[in-house]
PDB file of all heavy atoms in Angstrom:
ATOM      1  N   ALA A   1    -203.163 123.616  65.957  1.00  0.00           N
ATOM      2  CA  ALA A   1    -203.213 122.467  66.925  1.00  0.00           C
ATOM      3  C   ALA A   1    -204.608 121.932  67.144  1.00  0.00           C
ATOM      4  O   ALA A   1    -204.725 120.785  67.555  1.00  0.00           O
ATOM      5  CB  ALA A   1    -202.647 122.888  68.340  1.00  0.00           C
ATOM      6  N   ARG A   2    -205.612 122.716  66.765  1.00  0.00           N
ATOM      7  CA  ARG A   2    -207.017 122.192  66.830  1.00  0.00           C
ATOM      8  C   ARG A   2    -207.253 121.075  65.829  1.00  0.00           C
ATOM      9  O   ARG A   2    -208.294 120.337  65.970  1.00  0.00           O
ATOM     10  CB  ARG A   2    -207.963 123.295  66.605  1.00  0.00           C
ATOM     11  CG  ARG A   2    -207.931 124.408  67.755  1.00  0.00           C
ATOM     12  CD  ARG A   2    -208.697 125.606  67.335  1.00  0.00           C
ATOM     13  NE  ARG A   2    -210.102 125.277  66.844  1.00  0.00           N
ATOM     14  CZ  ARG A   2    -210.878 126.147  66.196  1.00  0.00           C
ATOM     15  NH1 ARG A   2    -210.405 127.283  65.769  1.00  0.00           N
ATOM     16  NH2 ARG A   2    -212.058 125.750  65.731  1.00  0.00           N
ATOM     17  N   LEU A   3    -206.373 120.917  64.847  1.00  0.00           N
ATOM     18  CA  LEU A   3    -206.534 119.846  63.863  1.00  0.00           C
ATOM     19  C   LEU A   3    -206.437 118.434  64.475  1.00  0.00           C
ATOM     20  O   LEU A   3    -207.058 117.548  63.965  1.00  0.00           O
ATOM     21  CB  LEU A   3    -205.537 120.021  62.717  1.00  0.00           C
ATOM     22  CG  LEU A   3    -205.783 121.256  61.870  1.00  0.00           C
ATOM     23  CD1 LEU A   3    -204.499 121.453  60.974  1.00  0.00           C
ATOM     24  CD2 LEU A   3    -206.941 120.907  60.888  1.00  0.00           C
ATOM     25  N   ARG A   4    -205.561 118.237  65.468  1.00  0.00           N
ATOM     26  CA  ARG A   4    -205.355 116.931  66.037  1.00  0.00           C
ATOM     27  C   ARG A   4    -206.597 116.270  66.520  1.00  0.00           C
ATOM     28  O   ARG A   4    -206.978 115.148  66.074  1.00  0.00           O
ATOM     29  CB  ARG A   4    -204.278 116.940  67.108  1.00  0.00           C
ATOM     30  CG  ARG A   4    -203.752 115.536  67.362  1.00  0.00           C
ATOM     31  CD  ARG A   4    -203.336 115.241  68.851  1.00  0.00           C
ATOM     32  NE  ARG A   4    -204.545 115.317  69.695  1.00  0.00           N
ATOM     33  CZ  ARG A   4    -205.381 114.256  69.785  1.00  0.00           C
ATOM     34  NH1 ARG A   4    -205.201 113.102  69.105  1.00  0.00           N
ATOM     35  NH2 ARG A   4    -206.463 114.329  70.609  1.00  0.00           N
ATOM     36  N   PRO A   5    -207.383 116.864  67.462  1.00  0.00           N
ATOM     37  CA  PRO A   5    -208.574 116.145  67.856  1.00  0.00           C
ATOM     38  C   PRO A   5    -209.664 116.113  66.847  1.00  0.00           C
ATOM     39  O   PRO A   5    -210.367 115.088  66.848  1.00  0.00           O
ATOM     40  CB  PRO A   5    -209.046 117.061  69.131  1.00  0.00           C
ATOM     41  CG  PRO A   5    -208.380 118.360  68.957  1.00  0.00           C
ATOM     42  CD  PRO A   5    -207.142 118.066  68.238  1.00  0.00           C
ATOM     43  N   LEU A   6    -209.726 117.050  65.974  1.00  0.00           N
ATOM     44  CA  LEU A   6    -210.720 116.917  64.861  1.00  0.00           C
ATOM     45  C   LEU A   6    -210.435 115.796  63.964  1.00  0.00           C
ATOM     46  O   LEU A   6    -211.331 115.037  63.597  1.00  0.00           O
ATOM     47  CB  LEU A   6    -210.711 118.254  64.029  1.00  0.00           C
ATOM     48  CG  LEU A   6    -211.424 119.465  64.674  1.00  0.00           C
ATOM     49  CD1 LEU A   6    -211.252 120.696  63.758  1.00  0.00           C
ATOM     50  CD2 LEU A   6    -212.923 119.176  64.821  1.00  0.00           C
ATOM     51  N   LEU A   7    -209.155 115.637  63.562  1.00  0.00           N
ATOM     52  CA  LEU A   7    -208.819 114.514  62.688  1.00  0.00           C
ATOM     53  C   LEU A   7    -208.857 113.192  63.398  1.00  0.00           C
ATOM     54  O   LEU A   7    -209.256 112.141  62.804  1.00  0.00           O
ATOM     55  CB  LEU A   7    -207.402 114.725  62.039  1.00  0.00           C
ATOM     56  CG  LEU A   7    -207.410 115.849  61.013  1.00  0.00           C
ATOM     57  CD1 LEU A   7    -205.916 116.205  60.693  1.00  0.00           C
ATOM     58  CD2 LEU A   7    -207.979 115.342  59.709  1.00  0.00           C
ATOM     59  N   ALA A   8    -208.590 113.125  64.658  1.00  0.00           N
ATOM     60  CA  ALA A   8    -208.712 111.929  65.455  1.00  0.00           C
ATOM     61  C   ALA A   8    -210.216 111.477  65.426  1.00  0.00           C
ATOM     62  O   ALA A   8    -210.560 110.303  65.315  1.00  0.00           O
ATOM     63  CB  ALA A   8    -208.189 112.126  66.903  1.00  0.00           C
ATOM     64  N   GLU A   9    -211.096 112.441  65.606  1.00  0.00           N
ATOM     65  CA  GLU A   9    -212.536 112.128  65.512  1.00  0.00           C
ATOM     66  C   GLU A   9    -212.945 111.628  64.212  1.00  0.00           C
ATOM     67  O   GLU A   9    -213.727 110.635  63.998  1.00  0.00           O
ATOM     68  CB  GLU A   9    -213.316 113.325  65.938  1.00  0.00           C
ATOM     69  CG  GLU A   9    -214.772 113.102  66.045  1.00  0.00           C
ATOM     70  CD  GLU A   9    -215.559 114.378  66.472  1.00  0.00           C
ATOM     71  OE1 GLU A   9    -214.891 115.325  66.925  1.00  0.00           O
ATOM     72  OE2 GLU A   9    -216.794 114.366  66.332  1.00  0.00           O
ATOM     73  N   VAL A  10    -212.449 112.263  63.077  1.00  0.00           N
ATOM     74  CA  VAL A  10    -212.760 111.910  61.774  1.00  0.00           C
ATOM     75  C   VAL A  10    -212.216 110.461  61.433  1.00  0.00           C
ATOM     76  O   VAL A  10    -212.886 109.644  60.792  1.00  0.00           O
ATOM     77  CB  VAL A  10    -212.224 112.901  60.752  1.00  0.00           C
ATOM     78  CG1 VAL A  10    -212.367 112.329  59.285  1.00  0.00           C
ATOM     79  CG2 VAL A  10    -212.982 114.164  60.874  1.00  0.00           C
ATOM     80  N   THR A  11    -210.989 110.238  61.825  1.00  0.00           N
ATOM     81  CA  THR A  11    -210.307 108.941  61.357  1.00  0.00           C
ATOM     82  C   THR A  11    -210.612 107.784  62.302  1.00  0.00           C
ATOM     83  O   THR A  11    -210.578 106.620  61.879  1.00  0.00           O
ATOM     84  CB  THR A  11    -208.861 109.091  61.308  1.00  0.00           C
ATOM     85  OG1 THR A  11    -208.296 109.353  62.640  1.00  0.00           O
ATOM     86  CG2 THR A  11    -208.419 110.218  60.345  1.00  0.00           C
ATOM     87  N   GLY A  12    -210.872 108.058  63.567  1.00  0.00           N
ATOM     88  CA  GLY A  12    -210.933 107.006  64.608  1.00  0.00           C
ATOM     89  C   GLY A  12    -209.652 106.346  64.809  1.00  0.00           C
ATOM     90  O   GLY A  12    -209.656 105.262  65.431  1.00  0.00           O
ATOM     91  N   ARG A  13    -208.550 107.001  64.398  1.00  0.00           N
ATOM     92  CA  ARG A  13    -207.255 106.413  64.582  1.00  0.00           C
ATOM     93  C   ARG A  13    -206.344 107.382  65.387  1.00  0.00           C
ATOM     94  O   ARG A  13    -206.643 108.539  65.476  1.00  0.00           O
ATOM     95  CB  ARG A  13    -206.604 106.148  63.195  1.00  0.00           C
ATOM     96  CG  ARG A  13    -207.316 105.110  62.294  1.00  0.00           C
ATOM     97  CD  ARG A  13    -207.269 103.771  63.006  1.00  0.00           C
ATOM     98  NE  ARG A  13    -205.899 103.378  63.336  1.00  0.00           N
ATOM     99  CZ  ARG A  13    -205.722 102.536  64.374  1.00  0.00           C
ATOM    100  NH1 ARG A  13    -206.603 102.084  65.059  1.00  0.00           N
ATOM    101  NH2 ARG A  13    -204.365 102.191  64.529  1.00  0.00           N
ATOM    102  N   PRO A  14    -205.217 106.865  65.911  1.00  0.00           N
ATOM    103  CA  PRO A  14    -204.352 107.817  66.592  1.00  0.00           C
ATOM    104  C   PRO A  14    -203.799 108.875  65.645  1.00  0.00           C
ATOM    105  O   PRO A  14    -203.383 108.634  64.498  1.00  0.00           O
ATOM    106  CB  PRO A  14    -203.168 106.861  67.067  1.00  0.00           C
ATOM    107  CG  PRO A  14    -203.766 105.507  67.108  1.00  0.00           C
ATOM    108  CD  PRO A  14    -204.802 105.502  65.992  1.00  0.00           C
ATOM    109  N   VAL A  15    -203.829 110.144  66.135  1.00  0.00           N
ATOM    110  CA  VAL A  15    -203.339 111.321  65.323  1.00  0.00           C
ATOM    111  C   VAL A  15    -202.382 112.057  66.263  1.00  0.00           C
ATOM    112  O   VAL A  15    -202.741 112.467  67.349  1.00  0.00           O
ATOM    113  CB  VAL A  15    -204.514 112.235  64.941  1.00  0.00           C
ATOM    114  CG1 VAL A  15    -203.992 113.488  64.161  1.00  0.00           C
ATOM    115  CG2 VAL A  15    -205.542 111.497  64.063  1.00  0.00           C
ATOM    116  N   THR A  16    -201.206 112.295  65.658  1.00  0.00           N
ATOM    117  CA  THR A  16    -200.190 113.104  66.393  1.00  0.00           C
ATOM    118  C   THR A  16    -200.198 114.522  65.699  1.00  0.00           C
ATOM    119  O   THR A  16    -200.515 114.706  64.571  1.00  0.00           O
ATOM    120  CB  THR A  16    -198.783 112.511  66.327  1.00  0.00           C
ATOM    121  OG1 THR A  16    -198.266 112.519  64.982  1.00  0.00           O
ATOM    122  CG2 THR A  16    -198.838 111.117  66.843  1.00  0.00           C
ATOM    123  N   PHE A  17    -199.709 115.536  66.555  1.00  0.00           N
ATOM    124  CA  PHE A  17    -199.664 116.867  66.007  1.00  0.00           C
ATOM    125  C   PHE A  17    -198.345 117.399  66.620  1.00  0.00           C
ATOM    126  O   PHE A  17    -198.052 117.172  67.725  1.00  0.00           O
ATOM    127  CB  PHE A  17    -200.773 117.777  66.391  1.00  0.00           C
ATOM    128  CG  PHE A  17    -200.543 119.168  65.961  1.00  0.00           C
ATOM    129  CD1 PHE A  17    -200.856 119.629  64.728  1.00  0.00           C
ATOM    130  CD2 PHE A  17    -199.956 120.042  66.875  1.00  0.00           C
ATOM    131  CE1 PHE A  17    -200.623 120.935  64.320  1.00  0.00           C
ATOM    132  CE2 PHE A  17    -199.770 121.489  66.456  1.00  0.00           C
ATOM    133  CZ  PHE A  17    -199.991 121.859  65.230  1.00  0.00           C
ATOM    134  N   GLY A  18    -197.678 118.209  65.843  1.00  0.00           N
ATOM    135  CA  GLY A  18    -196.461 118.870  66.402  1.00  0.00           C
ATOM    136  C   GLY A  18    -195.987 120.032  65.506  1.00  0.00           C
ATOM    137  O   GLY A  18    -196.324 120.042  64.303  1.00  0.00           O
ATOM    138  N   TRP A  19    -195.301 120.932  66.173  1.00  0.00           N
ATOM    139  CA  TRP A  19    -194.635 122.060  65.467  1.00  0.00           C
ATOM    140  C   TRP A  19    -193.252 121.691  64.983  1.00  0.00           C
ATOM    141  O   TRP A  19    -192.506 121.006  65.692  1.00  0.00           O
ATOM    142  CB  TRP A  19    -194.596 123.298  66.358  1.00  0.00           C
ATOM    143  CG  TRP A  19    -195.851 123.700  66.890  1.00  0.00           C
ATOM    144  CD1 TRP A  19    -196.356 123.387  68.143  1.00  0.00           C
ATOM    145  CD2 TRP A  19    -196.996 124.390  66.242  1.00  0.00           C
ATOM    146  NE1 TRP A  19    -197.677 123.870  68.344  1.00  0.00           N
ATOM    147  CE2 TRP A  19    -198.037 124.525  67.155  1.00  0.00           C
ATOM    148  CE3 TRP A  19    -197.046 124.997  64.980  1.00  0.00           C
ATOM    149  CZ2 TRP A  19    -199.211 125.162  66.856  1.00  0.00           C
ATOM    150  CZ3 TRP A  19    -198.222 125.654  64.677  1.00  0.00           C
ATOM    151  CH2 TRP A  19    -199.240 125.791  65.627  1.00  0.00           C
ATOM    152  N   ALA A  20    -192.905 122.111  63.822  1.00  0.00           N
ATOM    153  CA  ALA A  20    -191.617 121.763  63.204  1.00  0.00           C
ATOM    154  C   ALA A  20    -190.717 122.982  63.374  1.00  0.00           C
ATOM    155  O   ALA A  20    -191.188 124.155  63.291  1.00  0.00           O
ATOM    156  CB  ALA A  20    -191.759 121.372  61.752  1.00  0.00           C
ATOM    157  N   PRO A  21    -189.317 122.687  63.596  1.00  0.00           N
ATOM    158  CA  PRO A  21    -188.738 121.365  63.551  1.00  0.00           C
ATOM    159  C   PRO A  21    -188.737 120.681  64.869  1.00  0.00           C
ATOM    160  O   PRO A  21    -188.100 119.555  64.952  1.00  0.00           O
ATOM    161  CB  PRO A  21    -187.321 121.660  63.205  1.00  0.00           C
ATOM    162  CG  PRO A  21    -187.082 123.068  63.786  1.00  0.00           C
ATOM    163  CD  PRO A  21    -188.359 123.790  63.676  1.00  0.00           C
ATOM    164  N   ARG A  22    -189.450 121.161  65.929  1.00  0.00           N
ATOM    165  CA  ARG A  22    -189.479 120.445  67.186  1.00  0.00           C
ATOM    166  C   ARG A  22    -190.047 119.067  67.014  1.00  0.00           C
ATOM    167  O   ARG A  22    -189.401 118.075  67.557  1.00  0.00           O
ATOM    168  CB  ARG A  22    -190.316 121.255  68.225  1.00  0.00           C
ATOM    169  CG  ARG A  22    -190.740 120.465  69.408  1.00  0.00           C
ATOM    170  CD  ARG A  22    -191.737 121.120  70.264  1.00  0.00           C
ATOM    171  NE  ARG A  22    -191.045 122.165  70.963  1.00  0.00           N
ATOM    172  CZ  ARG A  22    -191.420 122.686  72.152  1.00  0.00           C
ATOM    173  NH1 ARG A  22    -192.482 121.967  72.857  1.00  0.00           N
ATOM    174  NH2 ARG A  22    -190.859 123.673  72.738  1.00  0.00           N
ATOM    175  N   HIS A  23    -191.215 118.941  66.421  1.00  0.00           N
ATOM    176  CA  HIS A  23    -191.823 117.588  66.314  1.00  0.00           C
ATOM    177  C   HIS A  23    -191.002 116.569  65.508  1.00  0.00           C
ATOM    178  O   HIS A  23    -190.886 115.449  66.000  1.00  0.00           O
ATOM    179  CB  HIS A  23    -193.274 117.712  65.787  1.00  0.00           C
ATOM    180  CG  HIS A  23    -194.027 116.512  65.830  1.00  0.00           C
ATOM    181  ND1 HIS A  23    -194.523 116.051  67.090  1.00  0.00           N
ATOM    182  CD2 HIS A  23    -194.495 115.718  64.868  1.00  0.00           C
ATOM    183  CE1 HIS A  23    -195.256 114.946  66.852  1.00  0.00           C
ATOM    184  NE2 HIS A  23    -195.239 114.688  65.529  1.00  0.00           N
ATOM    185  N   PRO A  24    -190.523 116.973  64.285  1.00  0.00           N
ATOM    186  CA  PRO A  24    -189.651 116.027  63.648  1.00  0.00           C
ATOM    187  C   PRO A  24    -188.373 115.575  64.406  1.00  0.00           C
ATOM    188  O   PRO A  24    -187.961 114.425  64.315  1.00  0.00           O
ATOM    189  CB  PRO A  24    -189.324 116.790  62.330  1.00  0.00           C
ATOM    190  CG  PRO A  24    -190.418 117.700  62.137  1.00  0.00           C
ATOM    191  CD  PRO A  24    -190.803 118.123  63.452  1.00  0.00           C
ATOM    192  N   HIS A  25    -187.841 116.533  65.106  1.00  0.00           N
ATOM    193  CA  HIS A  25    -186.689 116.158  65.918  1.00  0.00           C
ATOM    194  C   HIS A  25    -187.138 115.144  66.976  1.00  0.00           C
ATOM    195  O   HIS A  25    -186.331 114.159  67.315  1.00  0.00           O
ATOM    196  CB  HIS A  25    -186.078 117.426  66.707  1.00  0.00           C
ATOM    197  CG  HIS A  25    -185.050 118.160  65.842  1.00  0.00           C
ATOM    198  ND1 HIS A  25    -183.792 117.675  65.606  1.00  0.00           N
ATOM    199  CD2 HIS A  25    -185.115 119.427  65.324  1.00  0.00           C
ATOM    200  CE1 HIS A  25    -183.172 118.625  64.895  1.00  0.00           C
ATOM    201  NE2 HIS A  25    -183.948 119.652  64.625  1.00  0.00           N
ATOM    202  N   ALA A  26    -188.279 115.319  67.618  1.00  0.00           N
ATOM    203  CA  ALA A  26    -188.672 114.412  68.665  1.00  0.00           C
ATOM    204  C   ALA A  26    -189.218 113.132  68.158  1.00  0.00           C
ATOM    205  O   ALA A  26    -188.973 112.103  68.767  1.00  0.00           O
ATOM    206  CB  ALA A  26    -189.684 115.190  69.542  1.00  0.00           C
ATOM    207  N   ILE A  27    -189.993 113.141  67.047  1.00  0.00           N
ATOM    208  CA  ILE A  27    -190.819 111.928  66.675  1.00  0.00           C
ATOM    209  C   ILE A  27    -190.354 111.378  65.360  1.00  0.00           C
ATOM    210  O   ILE A  27    -190.769 110.332  64.925  1.00  0.00           O
ATOM    211  CB  ILE A  27    -192.261 112.268  66.631  1.00  0.00           C
ATOM    212  CG1 ILE A  27    -192.786 113.022  67.902  1.00  0.00           C
ATOM    213  CG2 ILE A  27    -193.121 111.046  66.450  1.00  0.00           C
ATOM    214  CD1 ILE A  27    -192.606 112.100  69.135  1.00  0.00           C
ATOM    215  N   GLY A  28    -189.551 112.178  64.567  1.00  0.00           N
ATOM    216  CA  GLY A  28    -189.142 111.808  63.196  1.00  0.00           C
ATOM    217  C   GLY A  28    -188.590 110.380  63.156  1.00  0.00           C
ATOM    218  O   GLY A  28    -188.783 109.772  62.062  1.00  0.00           O
ATOM    219  N   GLN A  29    -187.880 109.930  64.189  1.00  0.00           N
ATOM    220  CA  GLN A  29    -187.243 108.623  64.153  1.00  0.00           C
ATOM    221  C   GLN A  29    -188.370 107.556  63.910  1.00  0.00           C
ATOM    222  O   GLN A  29    -188.166 106.633  63.175  1.00  0.00           O
ATOM    223  CB  GLN A  29    -186.408 108.365  65.269  1.00  0.00           C
ATOM    224  CG  GLN A  29    -185.797 106.988  65.304  1.00  0.00           C
ATOM    225  CD  GLN A  29    -184.831 106.806  66.417  1.00  0.00           C
ATOM    226  OE1 GLN A  29    -184.182 107.734  66.885  1.00  0.00           O
ATOM    227  NE2 GLN A  29    -184.766 105.588  66.881  1.00  0.00           N
ATOM    228  N   TYR A  30    -189.486 107.764  64.584  1.00  0.00           N
ATOM    229  CA  TYR A  30    -190.574 106.775  64.512  1.00  0.00           C
ATOM    230  C   TYR A  30    -191.132 106.788  63.034  1.00  0.00           C
ATOM    231  O   TYR A  30    -191.410 105.812  62.468  1.00  0.00           O
ATOM    232  CB  TYR A  30    -191.637 107.031  65.514  1.00  0.00           C
ATOM    233  CG  TYR A  30    -192.754 106.048  65.540  1.00  0.00           C
ATOM    234  CD1 TYR A  30    -192.643 104.954  66.328  1.00  0.00           C
ATOM    235  CD2 TYR A  30    -193.862 106.088  64.618  1.00  0.00           C
ATOM    236  CE1 TYR A  30    -193.600 103.928  66.343  1.00  0.00           C
ATOM    237  CE2 TYR A  30    -194.746 105.068  64.611  1.00  0.00           C
ATOM    238  CZ  TYR A  30    -194.626 104.014  65.467  1.00  0.00           C
ATOM    239  OH  TYR A  30    -195.580 103.012  65.456  1.00  0.00           O
ATOM    240  N   HIS A  31    -191.249 108.035  62.490  1.00  0.00           N
ATOM    241  CA  HIS A  31    -191.831 108.079  61.119  1.00  0.00           C
ATOM    242  C   HIS A  31    -191.064 107.358  60.153  1.00  0.00           C
ATOM    243  O   HIS A  31    -191.658 106.700  59.204  1.00  0.00           O
ATOM    244  CB  HIS A  31    -191.949 109.570  60.687  1.00  0.00           C
ATOM    245  CG  HIS A  31    -192.811 110.394  61.584  1.00  0.00           C
ATOM    246  ND1 HIS A  31    -192.811 111.812  61.523  1.00  0.00           N
ATOM    247  CD2 HIS A  31    -193.832 110.126  62.406  1.00  0.00           C
ATOM    248  CE1 HIS A  31    -193.805 112.289  62.309  1.00  0.00           C
ATOM    249  NE2 HIS A  31    -194.373 111.252  62.934  1.00  0.00           N
ATOM    250  N   ILE A  32    -189.775 107.375  60.246  1.00  0.00           N
ATOM    251  CA  ILE A  32    -188.955 106.706  59.263  1.00  0.00           C
ATOM    252  C   ILE A  32    -188.585 105.271  59.595  1.00  0.00           C
ATOM    253  O   ILE A  32    -188.514 104.420  58.696  1.00  0.00           O
ATOM    254  CB  ILE A  32    -187.575 107.531  59.089  1.00  0.00           C
ATOM    255  CG1 ILE A  32    -187.917 108.946  58.570  1.00  0.00           C
ATOM    256  CG2 ILE A  32    -186.621 106.801  58.125  1.00  0.00           C
ATOM    257  CD1 ILE A  32    -188.564 108.963  57.210  1.00  0.00           C
ATOM    258  N   HIS A  33    -188.265 105.043  60.925  1.00  0.00           N
ATOM    259  CA  HIS A  33    -187.731 103.707  61.217  1.00  0.00           C
ATOM    260  C   HIS A  33    -188.735 102.836  62.027  1.00  0.00           C
ATOM    261  O   HIS A  33    -188.476 101.686  62.259  1.00  0.00           O
ATOM    262  CB  HIS A  33    -186.420 103.848  62.066  1.00  0.00           C
ATOM    263  CG  HIS A  33    -185.355 104.547  61.361  1.00  0.00           C
ATOM    264  ND1 HIS A  33    -184.600 103.852  60.441  1.00  0.00           N
ATOM    265  CD2 HIS A  33    -184.906 105.772  61.373  1.00  0.00           C
ATOM    266  CE1 HIS A  33    -183.658 104.640  59.914  1.00  0.00           C
ATOM    267  NE2 HIS A  33    -183.891 105.928  60.534  1.00  0.00           N
ATOM    268  N   GLY A  34    -189.911 103.403  62.275  1.00  0.00           N
ATOM    269  CA  GLY A  34    -190.938 102.545  62.981  1.00  0.00           C
ATOM    270  C   GLY A  34    -191.803 101.773  61.940  1.00  0.00           C
ATOM    271  O   GLY A  34    -191.449 101.753  60.765  1.00  0.00           O
ATOM    272  N   PRO A  35    -192.918 101.207  62.381  1.00  0.00           N
ATOM    273  CA  PRO A  35    -193.797 100.568  61.509  1.00  0.00           C
ATOM    274  C   PRO A  35    -194.335 101.569  60.366  1.00  0.00           C
ATOM    275  O   PRO A  35    -194.658 102.689  60.656  1.00  0.00           O
ATOM    276  CB  PRO A  35    -194.950 100.201  62.340  1.00  0.00           C
ATOM    277  CG  PRO A  35    -194.425 100.050  63.729  1.00  0.00           C
ATOM    278  CD  PRO A  35    -193.444 101.191  63.847  1.00  0.00           C
ATOM    279  N   GLN A  36    -194.210 101.014  59.146  1.00  0.00           N
ATOM    280  CA  GLN A  36    -194.568 101.972  58.034  1.00  0.00           C
ATOM    281  C   GLN A  36    -196.040 101.871  57.719  1.00  0.00           C
ATOM    282  O   GLN A  36    -196.543 101.437  56.677  1.00  0.00           O
ATOM    283  CB  GLN A  36    -193.687 101.486  56.811  1.00  0.00           C
ATOM    284  CG  GLN A  36    -192.257 101.699  56.977  1.00  0.00           C
ATOM    285  CD  GLN A  36    -191.891 103.198  57.214  1.00  0.00           C
ATOM    286  OE1 GLN A  36    -192.042 104.005  56.312  1.00  0.00           O
ATOM    287  NE2 GLN A  36    -191.505 103.524  58.448  1.00  0.00           N
ATOM    288  N   VAL A  37    -196.778 102.508  58.640  1.00  0.00           N
ATOM    289  CA  VAL A  37    -198.291 102.573  58.582  1.00  0.00           C
ATOM    290  C   VAL A  37    -198.774 103.990  58.734  1.00  0.00           C
ATOM    291  O   VAL A  37    -199.914 104.205  58.913  1.00  0.00           O
ATOM    292  CB  VAL A  37    -198.902 101.630  59.588  1.00  0.00           C
ATOM    293  CG1 VAL A  37    -198.518 100.221  59.270  1.00  0.00           C
ATOM    294  CG2 VAL A  37    -198.439 101.994  61.004  1.00  0.00           C
ATOM    295  N   GLY A  38    -197.869 104.981  58.629  1.00  0.00           N
ATOM    296  CA  GLY A  38    -198.214 106.422  58.824  1.00  0.00           C
ATOM    297  C   GLY A  38    -198.716 107.073  57.624  1.00  0.00           C
ATOM    298  O   GLY A  38    -198.285 106.772  56.555  1.00  0.00           O
ATOM    299  N   SER A  39    -199.566 107.985  57.787  1.00  0.00           N
ATOM    300  CA  SER A  39    -199.997 109.003  56.769  1.00  0.00           C
ATOM    301  C   SER A  39    -199.720 110.338  57.362  1.00  0.00           C
ATOM    302  O   SER A  39    -199.774 110.520  58.491  1.00  0.00           O
ATOM    303  CB  SER A  39    -201.509 108.842  56.510  1.00  0.00           C
ATOM    304  OG  SER A  39    -201.789 107.467  56.003  1.00  0.00           O
ATOM    305  N   PHE A  40    -199.468 111.269  56.451  1.00  0.00           N
ATOM    306  CA  PHE A  40    -198.989 112.549  56.853  1.00  0.00           C
ATOM    307  C   PHE A  40    -199.653 113.753  56.247  1.00  0.00           C
ATOM    308  O   PHE A  40    -199.984 113.736  55.117  1.00  0.00           O
ATOM    309  CB  PHE A  40    -197.485 112.596  56.570  1.00  0.00           C
ATOM    310  CG  PHE A  40    -196.607 111.526  57.376  1.00  0.00           C
ATOM    311  CD1 PHE A  40    -196.529 110.334  56.732  1.00  0.00           C
ATOM    312  CD2 PHE A  40    -196.124 111.775  58.480  1.00  0.00           C
ATOM    313  CE1 PHE A  40    -195.856 109.260  57.371  1.00  0.00           C
ATOM    314  CE2 PHE A  40    -195.431 110.762  59.143  1.00  0.00           C
ATOM    315  CZ  PHE A  40    -195.292 109.563  58.597  1.00  0.00           C
ATOM    316  N   VAL A  41    -199.819 114.842  57.074  1.00  0.00           N
ATOM    317  CA  VAL A  41    -200.217 116.125  56.605  1.00  0.00           C
ATOM    318  C   VAL A  41    -199.157 117.142  57.019  1.00  0.00           C
ATOM    319  O   VAL A  41    -198.808 117.280  58.222  1.00  0.00           O
ATOM    320  CB  VAL A  41    -201.556 116.588  57.194  1.00  0.00           C
ATOM    321  CG1 VAL A  41    -201.923 117.952  56.734  1.00  0.00           C
ATOM    322  CG2 VAL A  41    -202.647 115.602  56.772  1.00  0.00           C
ATOM    323  N   HIS A  42    -198.565 117.815  56.046  1.00  0.00           N
ATOM    324  CA  HIS A  42    -197.545 118.863  56.253  1.00  0.00           C
ATOM    325  C   HIS A  42    -198.178 120.176  56.036  1.00  0.00           C
ATOM    326  O   HIS A  42    -198.658 120.359  54.870  1.00  0.00           O
ATOM    327  CB  HIS A  42    -196.303 118.588  55.503  1.00  0.00           C
ATOM    328  CG  HIS A  42    -195.354 117.677  56.095  1.00  0.00           C
ATOM    329  ND1 HIS A  42    -194.071 117.482  55.677  1.00  0.00           N
ATOM    330  CD2 HIS A  42    -195.547 116.686  56.944  1.00  0.00           C
ATOM    331  CE1 HIS A  42    -193.513 116.591  56.336  1.00  0.00           C
ATOM    332  NE2 HIS A  42    -194.377 116.012  57.166  1.00  0.00           N
ATOM    333  N   LEU A  43    -198.082 121.047  56.974  1.00  0.00           N
ATOM    334  CA  LEU A  43    -198.654 122.452  56.880  1.00  0.00           C
ATOM    335  C   LEU A  43    -197.425 123.385  56.731  1.00  0.00           C
ATOM    336  O   LEU A  43    -196.531 123.378  57.573  1.00  0.00           O
ATOM    337  CB  LEU A  43    -199.506 122.836  57.993  1.00  0.00           C
ATOM    338  CG  LEU A  43    -200.710 122.000  58.351  1.00  0.00           C
ATOM    339  CD1 LEU A  43    -201.384 122.478  59.551  1.00  0.00           C
ATOM    340  CD2 LEU A  43    -201.601 121.862  57.095  1.00  0.00           C
TER     341      LEU A  43
END
């Protein structure tokens, strides 16, 4: 979880973080059906 603020500092852009499958259940709809401007890191 420490990656979120670190990457937000590096990118200067909004960075989300979540544990799966919780996070994909909660936010996955945005990833697929929202604005297609996302980049992703899967651990």
